[in-house]
Amino acid sequence: MHKFSIGQSVYFEGAAQYNAARGEYKIVRLVPIERDNRVVYRIKNAAEAFERTAEEHQLRTALA
C-alpha cells in the first residue's frame, strides 16, 4: 500500500549514489508494487524537465 497519493507534495531525500537533487517534488504516479515489495513512486520537481523514481523511504511529507 502506498503512503503518498498522486498530486501530493513530498520532500525527496535524494539517492546518495546518484547525487540526485533533494527538495520538494510532486507525486506524479504510483508504481505498482512487485514481488520485491518495494513501494516506488514517480516524482517531478517543477525546475526539472524529467521525472524521477523514488522509493517510499526516500520521501517525507512536505510542509505546506
N, C-alpha and C. Protein backbone atom coordinates (compact mmCIF):
# COMPACT_ATOMS: atom_id res chain seq x y z
N MET A 1 0.84 -1.19 0.00
CA MET A 1 0.00 0.00 0.00
C MET A 1 0.88 1.25 0.00
N HIS A 2 0.54 2.21 -0.84
CA HIS A 2 1.29 3.45 -0.95
C HIS A 2 0.87 4.43 0.15
N LYS A 3 1.84 5.09 0.75
CA LYS A 3 1.61 6.06 1.81
C LYS A 3 1.21 7.43 1.24
N PHE A 4 1.76 7.78 0.09
CA PHE A 4 1.51 9.08 -0.54
C PHE A 4 0.57 8.91 -1.73
N SER A 5 -0.08 10.01 -2.12
CA SER A 5 -1.04 9.94 -3.23
C SER A 5 -0.62 10.87 -4.37
N ILE A 6 -1.17 10.64 -5.55
CA ILE A 6 -0.87 11.45 -6.72
C ILE A 6 -1.24 12.91 -6.44
N GLY A 7 -0.33 13.82 -6.81
CA GLY A 7 -0.54 15.25 -6.60
C GLY A 7 -0.02 15.76 -5.28
N GLN A 8 0.33 14.87 -4.37
CA GLN A 8 0.80 15.28 -3.04
C GLN A 8 2.22 15.82 -3.13
N SER A 9 2.52 16.86 -2.36
CA SER A 9 3.87 17.41 -2.28
C SER A 9 4.68 16.62 -1.26
N VAL A 10 5.89 16.25 -1.66
CA VAL A 10 6.78 15.49 -0.79
C VAL A 10 8.18 16.08 -0.85
N TYR A 11 8.98 15.79 0.16
CA TYR A 11 10.38 16.18 0.17
C TYR A 11 11.19 14.94 -0.16
N PHE A 12 12.00 15.03 -1.20
CA PHE A 12 12.83 13.92 -1.65
C PHE A 12 14.20 14.04 -0.99
N GLU A 13 14.59 13.01 -0.26
CA GLU A 13 15.87 12.99 0.44
C GLU A 13 17.04 12.77 -0.51
N GLY A 14 16.75 12.26 -1.70
CA GLY A 14 17.80 12.01 -2.69
C GLY A 14 18.41 10.64 -2.53
N ALA A 15 19.13 10.25 -3.53
CA ALA A 15 19.84 8.98 -3.52
C ALA A 15 21.33 9.30 -3.60
N ALA A 16 22.05 9.06 -2.53
CA ALA A 16 23.45 9.44 -2.44
C ALA A 16 24.29 8.89 -3.58
N GLN A 17 24.05 7.65 -3.97
CA GLN A 17 24.87 7.04 -5.02
C GLN A 17 24.67 7.70 -6.38
N TYR A 18 23.56 8.42 -6.58
CA TYR A 18 23.29 9.07 -7.86
C TYR A 18 23.41 10.59 -7.76
N ASN A 19 23.71 11.11 -6.59
CA ASN A 19 23.83 12.56 -6.38
C ASN A 19 22.57 13.28 -6.86
N ALA A 20 21.42 12.71 -6.58
CA ALA A 20 20.13 13.27 -7.01
C ALA A 20 19.78 14.51 -6.20
N ALA A 21 19.12 15.44 -6.85
CA ALA A 21 18.74 16.70 -6.22
C ALA A 21 17.68 16.49 -5.15
N ARG A 22 17.96 16.96 -3.97
CA ARG A 22 16.98 16.92 -2.88
C ARG A 22 16.05 18.11 -3.03
N GLY A 23 14.88 18.01 -2.42
CA GLY A 23 13.97 19.13 -2.45
C GLY A 23 12.53 18.70 -2.56
N GLU A 24 11.68 19.68 -2.87
CA GLU A 24 10.24 19.42 -2.93
C GLU A 24 9.84 18.93 -4.32
N TYR A 25 9.05 17.88 -4.33
CA TYR A 25 8.57 17.25 -5.56
C TYR A 25 7.08 16.97 -5.42
N LYS A 26 6.44 16.67 -6.52
CA LYS A 26 5.04 16.23 -6.52
C LYS A 26 5.01 14.77 -6.94
N ILE A 27 4.11 14.01 -6.34
CA ILE A 27 3.90 12.63 -6.75
C ILE A 27 3.14 12.66 -8.08
N VAL A 28 3.71 12.04 -9.10
CA VAL A 28 3.12 12.02 -10.44
C VAL A 28 2.40 10.70 -10.70
N ARG A 29 2.99 9.61 -10.20
CA ARG A 29 2.44 8.28 -10.50
C ARG A 29 2.82 7.32 -9.38
N LEU A 30 1.92 6.39 -9.07
CA LEU A 30 2.20 5.31 -8.14
C LEU A 30 2.65 4.11 -8.96
N VAL A 31 3.82 3.60 -8.67
CA VAL A 31 4.34 2.45 -9.40
C VAL A 31 3.79 1.18 -8.74
N PRO A 32 3.27 0.25 -9.52
CA PRO A 32 2.73 -0.98 -8.93
C PRO A 32 3.78 -1.71 -8.09
N ILE A 33 3.35 -2.24 -6.97
CA ILE A 33 4.25 -3.00 -6.09
C ILE A 33 4.44 -4.38 -6.70
N GLU A 34 5.70 -4.76 -6.84
CA GLU A 34 6.01 -6.06 -7.44
C GLU A 34 6.44 -7.05 -6.37
N ARG A 35 7.02 -8.13 -6.80
CA ARG A 35 7.40 -9.21 -5.89
C ARG A 35 8.40 -8.81 -4.82
N ASP A 36 9.22 -7.80 -5.08
CA ASP A 36 10.22 -7.39 -4.10
C ASP A 36 9.62 -6.52 -2.99
N ASN A 37 8.35 -6.17 -3.10
CA ASN A 37 7.60 -5.40 -2.10
C ASN A 37 8.12 -3.99 -1.86
N ARG A 38 8.90 -3.46 -2.78
CA ARG A 38 9.35 -2.07 -2.65
C ARG A 38 8.22 -1.15 -3.10
N VAL A 39 7.98 -0.09 -2.32
CA VAL A 39 6.95 0.89 -2.67
C VAL A 39 7.66 2.04 -3.38
N VAL A 40 7.31 2.23 -4.66
CA VAL A 40 8.02 3.17 -5.52
C VAL A 40 7.04 4.18 -6.12
N TYR A 41 7.54 5.40 -6.35
CA TYR A 41 6.75 6.49 -6.92
C TYR A 41 7.52 7.13 -8.06
N ARG A 42 6.79 7.77 -8.97
CA ARG A 42 7.38 8.68 -9.96
C ARG A 42 7.12 10.07 -9.41
N ILE A 43 8.18 10.88 -9.32
CA ILE A 43 8.07 12.22 -8.75
C ILE A 43 8.61 13.24 -9.74
N LYS A 44 8.18 14.50 -9.59
CA LYS A 44 8.59 15.56 -10.51
C LYS A 44 8.82 16.85 -9.74
N ASN A 45 9.93 17.48 -10.04
CA ASN A 45 10.25 18.80 -9.48
C ASN A 45 9.94 19.82 -10.58
N ALA A 46 9.34 20.94 -10.23
CA ALA A 46 8.95 21.95 -11.21
C ALA A 46 10.14 22.50 -11.99
N ALA A 47 11.34 22.48 -11.40
CA ALA A 47 12.53 23.03 -12.04
C ALA A 47 13.22 22.04 -12.99
N GLU A 48 12.75 20.81 -13.04
CA GLU A 48 13.37 19.79 -13.89
C GLU A 48 12.41 19.38 -15.00
N ALA A 49 12.95 19.00 -16.15
CA ALA A 49 12.14 18.63 -17.30
C ALA A 49 11.80 17.15 -17.32
N PHE A 50 12.23 16.41 -16.32
CA PHE A 50 12.04 14.96 -16.31
C PHE A 50 11.50 14.50 -14.95
N GLU A 51 10.99 13.28 -14.93
CA GLU A 51 10.52 12.66 -13.69
C GLU A 51 11.64 11.81 -13.10
N ARG A 52 11.54 11.56 -11.82
CA ARG A 52 12.47 10.68 -11.12
C ARG A 52 11.68 9.53 -10.52
N THR A 53 12.38 8.46 -10.22
CA THR A 53 11.81 7.34 -9.48
C THR A 53 12.35 7.41 -8.06
N ALA A 54 11.48 7.26 -7.08
CA ALA A 54 11.90 7.31 -5.68
C ALA A 54 11.20 6.22 -4.88
N GLU A 55 11.94 5.62 -3.97
CA GLU A 55 11.35 4.65 -3.05
C GLU A 55 10.74 5.41 -1.88
N GLU A 56 9.73 4.81 -1.28
CA GLU A 56 8.99 5.48 -0.22
C GLU A 56 9.88 5.95 0.94
N HIS A 57 10.89 5.18 1.28
CA HIS A 57 11.75 5.56 2.41
C HIS A 57 12.58 6.81 2.12
N GLN A 58 12.65 7.24 0.84
CA GLN A 58 13.38 8.44 0.46
C GLN A 58 12.50 9.69 0.52
N LEU A 59 11.22 9.53 0.82
CA LEU A 59 10.27 10.63 0.79
C LEU A 59 9.70 10.92 2.17
N ARG A 60 9.35 12.20 2.37
CA ARG A 60 8.58 12.56 3.56
C ARG A 60 7.60 13.67 3.15
N THR A 61 6.57 13.82 3.92
CA THR A 61 5.56 14.83 3.61
C THR A 61 6.18 16.22 3.64
N ALA A 62 5.95 17.01 2.60
CA ALA A 62 6.46 18.39 2.54
C ALA A 62 5.58 19.29 3.39
N LEU A 63 6.22 20.28 3.99
CA LEU A 63 5.46 21.26 4.77
C LEU A 63 4.66 22.14 3.83
N ALA A 64 3.46 22.45 4.22
CA ALA A 64 2.56 23.25 3.36
C ALA A 64 2.94 24.69 3.29
